[in-house]
Amino acid sequence: MAKSLEMVFQNAAGKNARISVADPKDNLTAAEVQAAMDAILAKNIFNTTGGDIVKAVSANIVSREVTELISQG
């Protein structure tokens, strides 16, 4: 099962912007994610079509299971 950490931010235009990180560690805590999101905001390293990221909105661990039915190669 594939997992990713999805962090949702609000940009200057008021729209949501998502940053997804593949394969987060299994024992990731809310405090660690909040610290990472705070660092992203403080460093202002991402720019979206709606402007700078200005606010942390939410974070989720997303699990996805893929069942391959046909493989041609």
PDB file of N, CA and C in Angstrom:
ATOM      1  N   MET A   1       0.847  -1.176   0.000  1.00  0.00           N
ATOM      2  CA  MET A   1       0.000   0.000   0.000  1.00  0.00           C
ATOM      3  C   MET A   1       0.894   1.242   0.000  1.00  0.00           C
ATOM      4  N   ALA A   2       0.661   2.121  -0.925  1.00  0.00           N
ATOM      5  CA  ALA A   2       1.426   3.364  -1.042  1.00  0.00           C
ATOM      6  C   ALA A   2       0.856   4.400  -0.078  1.00  0.00           C
ATOM      7  N   LYS A   3       1.762   5.116   0.600  1.00  0.00           N
ATOM      8  CA  LYS A   3       1.351   6.180   1.518  1.00  0.00           C
ATOM      9  C   LYS A   3       2.017   7.480   1.114  1.00  0.00           C
ATOM     10  N   SER A   4       1.332   8.566   1.415  1.00  0.00           N
ATOM     11  CA  SER A   4       1.933   9.884   1.219  1.00  0.00           C
ATOM     12  C   SER A   4       1.419  10.822   2.303  1.00  0.00           C
ATOM     13  N   LEU A   5       2.235  11.811   2.606  1.00  0.00           N
ATOM     14  CA  LEU A   5       1.840  12.878   3.512  1.00  0.00           C
ATOM     15  C   LEU A   5       1.374  14.032   2.643  1.00  0.00           C
ATOM     16  N   GLU A   6       0.141  14.461   2.842  1.00  0.00           N
ATOM     17  CA  GLU A   6      -0.410  15.571   2.072  1.00  0.00           C
ATOM     18  C   GLU A   6      -0.591  16.760   3.008  1.00  0.00           C
ATOM     19  N   MET A   7       0.146  17.833   2.724  1.00  0.00           N
ATOM     20  CA  MET A   7       0.042  19.061   3.517  1.00  0.00           C
ATOM     21  C   MET A   7      -0.705  20.093   2.681  1.00  0.00           C
ATOM     22  N   VAL A   8      -1.710  20.686   3.272  1.00  0.00           N
ATOM     23  CA  VAL A   8      -2.543  21.655   2.574  1.00  0.00           C
ATOM     24  C   VAL A   8      -2.284  23.038   3.163  1.00  0.00           C
ATOM     25  N   PHE A   9      -2.012  23.977   2.281  1.00  0.00           N
ATOM     26  CA  PHE A   9      -1.744  25.368   2.663  1.00  0.00           C
ATOM     27  C   PHE A   9      -2.717  26.276   1.930  1.00  0.00           C
ATOM     28  N   GLN A  10      -2.869  27.489   2.427  1.00  0.00           N
ATOM     29  CA  GLN A  10      -3.648  28.512   1.726  1.00  0.00           C
ATOM     30  C   GLN A  10      -2.660  29.498   1.131  1.00  0.00           C
ATOM     31  N   ASN A  11      -2.913  29.903  -0.122  1.00  0.00           N
ATOM     32  CA  ASN A  11      -2.023  30.885  -0.746  1.00  0.00           C
ATOM     33  C   ASN A  11      -2.615  32.287  -0.604  1.00  0.00           C
ATOM     34  N   ALA A  12      -1.890  33.268  -1.112  1.00  0.00           N
ATOM     35  CA  ALA A  12      -2.299  34.671  -0.973  1.00  0.00           C
ATOM     36  C   ALA A  12      -3.656  34.965  -1.602  1.00  0.00           C
ATOM     37  N   ALA A  13      -4.045  34.166  -2.597  1.00  0.00           N
ATOM     38  CA  ALA A  13      -5.335  34.367  -3.259  1.00  0.00           C
ATOM     39  C   ALA A  13      -6.478  33.671  -2.513  1.00  0.00           C
ATOM     40  N   GLY A  14      -6.152  32.986  -1.401  1.00  0.00           N
ATOM     41  CA  GLY A  14      -7.182  32.293  -0.630  1.00  0.00           C
ATOM     42  C   GLY A  14      -7.492  30.902  -1.134  1.00  0.00           C
ATOM     43  N   LYS A  15      -6.734  30.407  -2.082  1.00  0.00           N
ATOM     44  CA  LYS A  15      -6.938  29.064  -2.640  1.00  0.00           C
ATOM     45  C   LYS A  15      -6.029  28.068  -1.925  1.00  0.00           C
ATOM     46  N   ASN A  16      -6.445  26.803  -1.911  1.00  0.00           N
ATOM     47  CA  ASN A  16      -5.629  25.766  -1.306  1.00  0.00           C
ATOM     48  C   ASN A  16      -4.536  25.301  -2.265  1.00  0.00           C
ATOM     49  N   ALA A  17      -3.375  25.032  -1.701  1.00  0.00           N
ATOM     50  CA  ALA A  17      -2.241  24.474  -2.439  1.00  0.00           C
ATOM     51  C   ALA A  17      -1.758  23.265  -1.650  1.00  0.00           C
ATOM     52  N   ARG A  18      -1.486  22.165  -2.334  1.00  0.00           N
ATOM     53  CA  ARG A  18      -1.081  20.931  -1.671  1.00  0.00           C
ATOM     54  C   ARG A  18       0.367  20.595  -1.966  1.00  0.00           C
ATOM     55  N   ILE A  19       1.050  20.106  -0.944  1.00  0.00           N
ATOM     56  CA  ILE A  19       2.393  19.559  -1.099  1.00  0.00           C
ATOM     57  C   ILE A  19       2.306  18.118  -0.623  1.00  0.00           C
ATOM     58  N   SER A  20       2.717  17.194  -1.472  1.00  0.00           N
ATOM     59  CA  SER A  20       2.634  15.778  -1.154  1.00  0.00           C
ATOM     60  C   SER A  20       4.037  15.193  -1.062  1.00  0.00           C
ATOM     61  N   VAL A  21       4.269  14.408  -0.005  1.00  0.00           N
ATOM     62  CA  VAL A  21       5.559  13.759   0.215  1.00  0.00           C
ATOM     63  C   VAL A  21       5.328  12.254   0.249  1.00  0.00           C
ATOM     64  N   ALA A  22       5.995  11.530  -0.644  1.00  0.00           N
ATOM     65  CA  ALA A  22       5.825  10.080  -0.732  1.00  0.00           C
ATOM     66  C   ALA A  22       6.516   9.379   0.430  1.00  0.00           C
ATOM     67  N   ASP A  23       5.934   8.287   0.847  1.00  0.00           N
ATOM     68  CA  ASP A  23       6.511   7.379   1.840  1.00  0.00           C
ATOM     69  C   ASP A  23       6.963   8.057   3.136  1.00  0.00           C
ATOM     70  N   PRO A  24       6.049   8.732   3.837  1.00  0.00           N
ATOM     71  CA  PRO A  24       6.440   9.331   5.119  1.00  0.00           C
ATOM     72  C   PRO A  24       6.761   8.229   6.128  1.00  0.00           C
ATOM     73  N   LYS A  25       7.583   8.546   7.120  1.00  0.00           N
ATOM     74  CA  LYS A  25       7.923   7.520   8.110  1.00  0.00           C
ATOM     75  C   LYS A  25       6.675   7.099   8.879  1.00  0.00           C
ATOM     76  N   ASP A  26       6.662   5.854   9.322  1.00  0.00           N
ATOM     77  CA  ASP A  26       5.476   5.272   9.953  1.00  0.00           C
ATOM     78  C   ASP A  26       5.084   5.944  11.262  1.00  0.00           C
ATOM     79  N   ASN A  27       6.040   6.408  12.046  1.00  0.00           N
ATOM     80  CA  ASN A  27       5.724   6.978  13.348  1.00  0.00           C
ATOM     81  C   ASN A  27       5.713   8.508  13.340  1.00  0.00           C
ATOM     82  N   LEU A  28       5.365   9.085  12.226  1.00  0.00           N
ATOM     83  CA  LEU A  28       5.314  10.542  12.084  1.00  0.00           C
ATOM     84  C   LEU A  28       4.262  11.112  13.027  1.00  0.00           C
ATOM     85  N   THR A  29       4.624  12.179  13.745  1.00  0.00           N
ATOM     86  CA  THR A  29       3.690  12.779  14.702  1.00  0.00           C
ATOM     87  C   THR A  29       3.119  14.089  14.157  1.00  0.00           C
ATOM     88  N   ALA A  30       2.012  14.489  14.740  1.00  0.00           N
ATOM     89  CA  ALA A  30       1.395  15.762  14.358  1.00  0.00           C
ATOM     90  C   ALA A  30       2.347  16.920  14.641  1.00  0.00           C
ATOM     91  N   ALA A  31       3.095  16.827  15.739  1.00  0.00           N
ATOM     92  CA  ALA A  31       4.044  17.898  16.083  1.00  0.00           C
ATOM     93  C   ALA A  31       5.149  18.022  15.033  1.00  0.00           C
ATOM     94  N   GLU A  32       5.638  16.899  14.526  1.00  0.00           N
ATOM     95  CA  GLU A  32       6.672  16.920  13.490  1.00  0.00           C
ATOM     96  C   GLU A  32       6.143  17.537  12.196  1.00  0.00           C
ATOM     97  N   VAL A  33       4.920  17.187  11.842  1.00  0.00           N
ATOM     98  CA  VAL A  33       4.320  17.731  10.622  1.00  0.00           C
ATOM     99  C   VAL A  33       4.075  19.224  10.785  1.00  0.00           C
ATOM    100  N   GLN A  34       3.580  19.636  11.945  1.00  0.00           N
ATOM    101  CA  GLN A  34       3.344  21.067  12.196  1.00  0.00           C
ATOM    102  C   GLN A  34       4.649  21.841  12.106  1.00  0.00           C
ATOM    103  N   ALA A  35       5.733  21.287  12.657  1.00  0.00           N
ATOM    104  CA  ALA A  35       7.035  21.948  12.590  1.00  0.00           C
ATOM    105  C   ALA A  35       7.504  22.087  11.142  1.00  0.00           C
ATOM    106  N   ALA A  36       7.290  21.049  10.336  1.00  0.00           N
ATOM    107  CA  ALA A  36       7.671  21.110   8.921  1.00  0.00           C
ATOM    108  C   ALA A  36       6.843  22.155   8.182  1.00  0.00           C
ATOM    109  N   MET A  37       5.546  22.200   8.458  1.00  0.00           N
ATOM    110  CA  MET A  37       4.682  23.182   7.799  1.00  0.00           C
ATOM    111  C   MET A  37       5.059  24.605   8.221  1.00  0.00           C
ATOM    112  N   ASP A  38       5.389  24.787   9.497  1.00  0.00           N
ATOM    113  CA  ASP A  38       5.827  26.101   9.983  1.00  0.00           C
ATOM    114  C   ASP A  38       7.121  26.531   9.292  1.00  0.00           C
ATOM    115  N   ALA A  39       8.043  25.570   9.093  1.00  0.00           N
ATOM    116  CA  ALA A  39       9.302  25.878   8.411  1.00  0.00           C
ATOM    117  C   ALA A  39       9.057  26.265   6.956  1.00  0.00           C
ATOM    118  N   ILE A  40       8.140  25.571   6.298  1.00  0.00           N
ATOM    119  CA  ILE A  40       7.797  25.905   4.913  1.00  0.00           C
ATOM    120  C   ILE A  40       7.260  27.338   4.837  1.00  0.00           C
ATOM    121  N   LEU A  41       6.385  27.682   5.767  1.00  0.00           N
ATOM    122  CA  LEU A  41       5.831  29.043   5.794  1.00  0.00           C
ATOM    123  C   LEU A  41       6.918  30.080   6.081  1.00  0.00           C
ATOM    124  N   ALA A  42       7.775  29.802   7.064  1.00  0.00           N
ATOM    125  CA  ALA A  42       8.800  30.765   7.466  1.00  0.00           C
ATOM    126  C   ALA A  42       9.822  31.021   6.368  1.00  0.00           C
ATOM    127  N   LYS A  43      10.174  29.973   5.637  1.00  0.00           N
ATOM    128  CA  LYS A  43      11.203  30.114   4.598  1.00  0.00           C
ATOM    129  C   LYS A  43      10.640  30.651   3.280  1.00  0.00           C
ATOM    130  N   ASN A  44       9.310  30.593   3.119  1.00  0.00           N
ATOM    131  CA  ASN A  44       8.649  31.137   1.927  1.00  0.00           C
ATOM    132  C   ASN A  44       9.331  30.655   0.632  1.00  0.00           C
ATOM    133  N   ILE A  45       9.528  29.344   0.538  1.00  0.00           N
ATOM    134  CA  ILE A  45      10.260  28.795  -0.609  1.00  0.00           C
ATOM    135  C   ILE A  45       9.360  28.347  -1.756  1.00  0.00           C
ATOM    136  N   PHE A  46       8.050  28.293  -1.536  1.00  0.00           N
ATOM    137  CA  PHE A  46       7.134  27.865  -2.582  1.00  0.00           C
ATOM    138  C   PHE A  46       6.270  29.032  -3.026  1.00  0.00           C
ATOM    139  N   ASN A  47       6.030  29.092  -4.314  1.00  0.00           N
ATOM    140  CA  ASN A  47       5.135  30.094  -4.875  1.00  0.00           C
ATOM    141  C   ASN A  47       4.126  29.357  -5.742  1.00  0.00           C
ATOM    142  N   THR A  48       2.880  29.707  -5.629  1.00  0.00           N
ATOM    143  CA  THR A  48       1.821  29.067  -6.408  1.00  0.00           C
ATOM    144  C   THR A  48       1.256  30.074  -7.407  1.00  0.00           C
ATOM    145  N   THR A  49       0.372  29.614  -8.269  1.00  0.00           N
ATOM    146  CA  THR A  49      -0.256  30.534  -9.225  1.00  0.00           C
ATOM    147  C   THR A  49      -1.087  31.593  -8.498  1.00  0.00           C
ATOM    148  N   GLY A  50      -1.459  31.312  -7.251  1.00  0.00           N
ATOM    149  CA  GLY A  50      -2.210  32.273  -6.443  1.00  0.00           C
ATOM    150  C   GLY A  50      -1.332  33.068  -5.503  1.00  0.00           C
ATOM    151  N   GLY A  51      -0.020  33.033  -5.728  1.00  0.00           N
ATOM    152  CA  GLY A  51       0.900  33.788  -4.885  1.00  0.00           C
ATOM    153  C   GLY A  51       1.556  32.927  -3.826  1.00  0.00           C
ATOM    154  N   ASP A  52       2.200  33.582  -2.883  1.00  0.00           N
ATOM    155  CA  ASP A  52       2.924  32.883  -1.821  1.00  0.00           C
ATOM    156  C   ASP A  52       1.971  32.074  -0.944  1.00  0.00           C
ATOM    157  N   ILE A  53       2.519  31.026  -0.330  1.00  0.00           N
ATOM    158  CA  ILE A  53       1.784  30.257   0.672  1.00  0.00           C
ATOM    159  C   ILE A  53       1.791  31.077   1.956  1.00  0.00           C
ATOM    160  N   VAL A  54       0.609  31.283   2.546  1.00  0.00           N
ATOM    161  CA  VAL A  54       0.500  32.174   3.694  1.00  0.00           C
ATOM    162  C   VAL A  54      -0.024  31.516   4.970  1.00  0.00           C
ATOM    163  N   LYS A  55      -0.601  30.300   4.853  1.00  0.00           N
ATOM    164  CA  LYS A  55      -1.235  29.698   6.022  1.00  0.00           C
ATOM    165  C   LYS A  55      -1.258  28.179   5.889  1.00  0.00           C
ATOM    166  N   ALA A  56      -0.949  27.474   6.987  1.00  0.00           N
ATOM    167  CA  ALA A  56      -1.102  26.018   7.034  1.00  0.00           C
ATOM    168  C   ALA A  56      -2.567  25.710   7.321  1.00  0.00           C
ATOM    169  N   VAL A  57      -3.159  24.807   6.540  1.00  0.00           N
ATOM    170  CA  VAL A  57      -4.574  24.477   6.693  1.00  0.00           C
ATOM    171  C   VAL A  57      -4.766  23.107   7.334  1.00  0.00           C
ATOM    172  N   SER A  58      -4.132  22.068   6.772  1.00  0.00           N
ATOM    173  CA  SER A  58      -4.316  20.719   7.296  1.00  0.00           C
ATOM    174  C   SER A  58      -3.213  19.806   6.786  1.00  0.00           C
ATOM    175  N   ALA A  59      -3.150  18.612   7.381  1.00  0.00           N
ATOM    176  CA  ALA A  59      -2.209  17.595   6.925  1.00  0.00           C
ATOM    177  C   ALA A  59      -2.845  16.224   7.126  1.00  0.00           C
ATOM    178  N   ASN A  60      -2.609  15.340   6.177  1.00  0.00           N
ATOM    179  CA  ASN A  60      -3.186  13.997   6.227  1.00  0.00           C
ATOM    180  C   ASN A  60      -2.184  12.978   5.716  1.00  0.00           C
ATOM    181  N   ILE A  61      -2.259  11.771   6.278  1.00  0.00           N
ATOM    182  CA  ILE A  61      -1.561  10.631   5.694  1.00  0.00           C
ATOM    183  C   ILE A  61      -2.580   9.955   4.781  1.00  0.00           C
ATOM    184  N   VAL A  62      -2.231   9.809   3.513  1.00  0.00           N
ATOM    185  CA  VAL A  62      -3.123   9.206   2.531  1.00  0.00           C
ATOM    186  C   VAL A  62      -2.567   7.837   2.156  1.00  0.00           C
ATOM    187  N   SER A  63      -3.385   6.810   2.294  1.00  0.00           N
ATOM    188  CA  SER A  63      -3.002   5.454   1.896  1.00  0.00           C
ATOM    189  C   SER A  63      -3.743   5.096   0.624  1.00  0.00           C
ATOM    190  N   ARG A  64      -3.019   4.440  -0.273  1.00  0.00           N
ATOM    191  CA  ARG A  64      -3.624   4.096  -1.556  1.00  0.00           C
ATOM    192  C   ARG A  64      -3.191   2.691  -1.931  1.00  0.00           C
ATOM    193  N   GLU A  65      -4.160   1.868  -2.268  1.00  0.00           N
ATOM    194  CA  GLU A  65      -3.865   0.512  -2.696  1.00  0.00           C
ATOM    195  C   GLU A  65      -4.168   0.392  -4.185  1.00  0.00           C
ATOM    196  N   VAL A  66      -3.198  -0.099  -4.924  1.00  0.00           N
ATOM    197  CA  VAL A  66      -3.349  -0.257  -6.364  1.00  0.00           C
ATOM    198  C   VAL A  66      -3.281  -1.742  -6.692  1.00  0.00           C
ATOM    199  N   THR A  67      -4.264  -2.221  -7.434  1.00  0.00           N
ATOM    200  CA  THR A  67      -4.266  -3.606  -7.901  1.00  0.00           C
ATOM    201  C   THR A  67      -4.092  -3.576  -9.409  1.00  0.00           C
ATOM    202  N   GLU A  68      -2.952  -4.106  -9.872  1.00  0.00           N
ATOM    203  CA  GLU A  68      -2.672  -4.126 -11.303  1.00  0.00           C
ATOM    204  C   GLU A  68      -3.462  -5.242 -11.957  1.00  0.00           C
ATOM    205  N   LEU A  69      -4.183  -4.927 -13.015  1.00  0.00           N
ATOM    206  CA  LEU A  69      -4.968  -5.919 -13.723  1.00  0.00           C
ATOM    207  C   LEU A  69      -4.272  -6.412 -14.988  1.00  0.00           C
ATOM    208  N   ILE A  70      -3.620  -5.513 -15.700  1.00  0.00           N
ATOM    209  CA  ILE A  70      -2.929  -5.867 -16.931  1.00  0.00           C
ATOM    210  C   ILE A  70      -1.607  -5.115 -16.965  1.00  0.00           C
ATOM    211  N   SER A  71      -0.570  -5.811 -17.322  1.00  0.00           N
ATOM    212  CA  SER A  71       0.735  -5.177 -17.504  1.00  0.00           C
ATOM    213  C   SER A  71       1.277  -5.597 -18.863  1.00  0.00           C
ATOM    214  N   GLN A  72       1.571  -4.632 -19.725  1.00  0.00           N
ATOM    215  CA  GLN A  72       2.007  -4.906 -21.092  1.00  0.00           C
ATOM    216  C   GLN A  72       3.498  -4.760 -21.249  1.00  0.00           C
ATOM    217  N   GLY A  73       4.251  -4.826 -20.199  1.00  0.00           N
ATOM    218  CA  GLY A  73       5.650  -4.691 -20.491  1.00  0.00           C
ATOM    219  C   GLY A  73       6.545  -4.622 -19.375  1.00  0.00           C
TER     220      GLY A  73
END
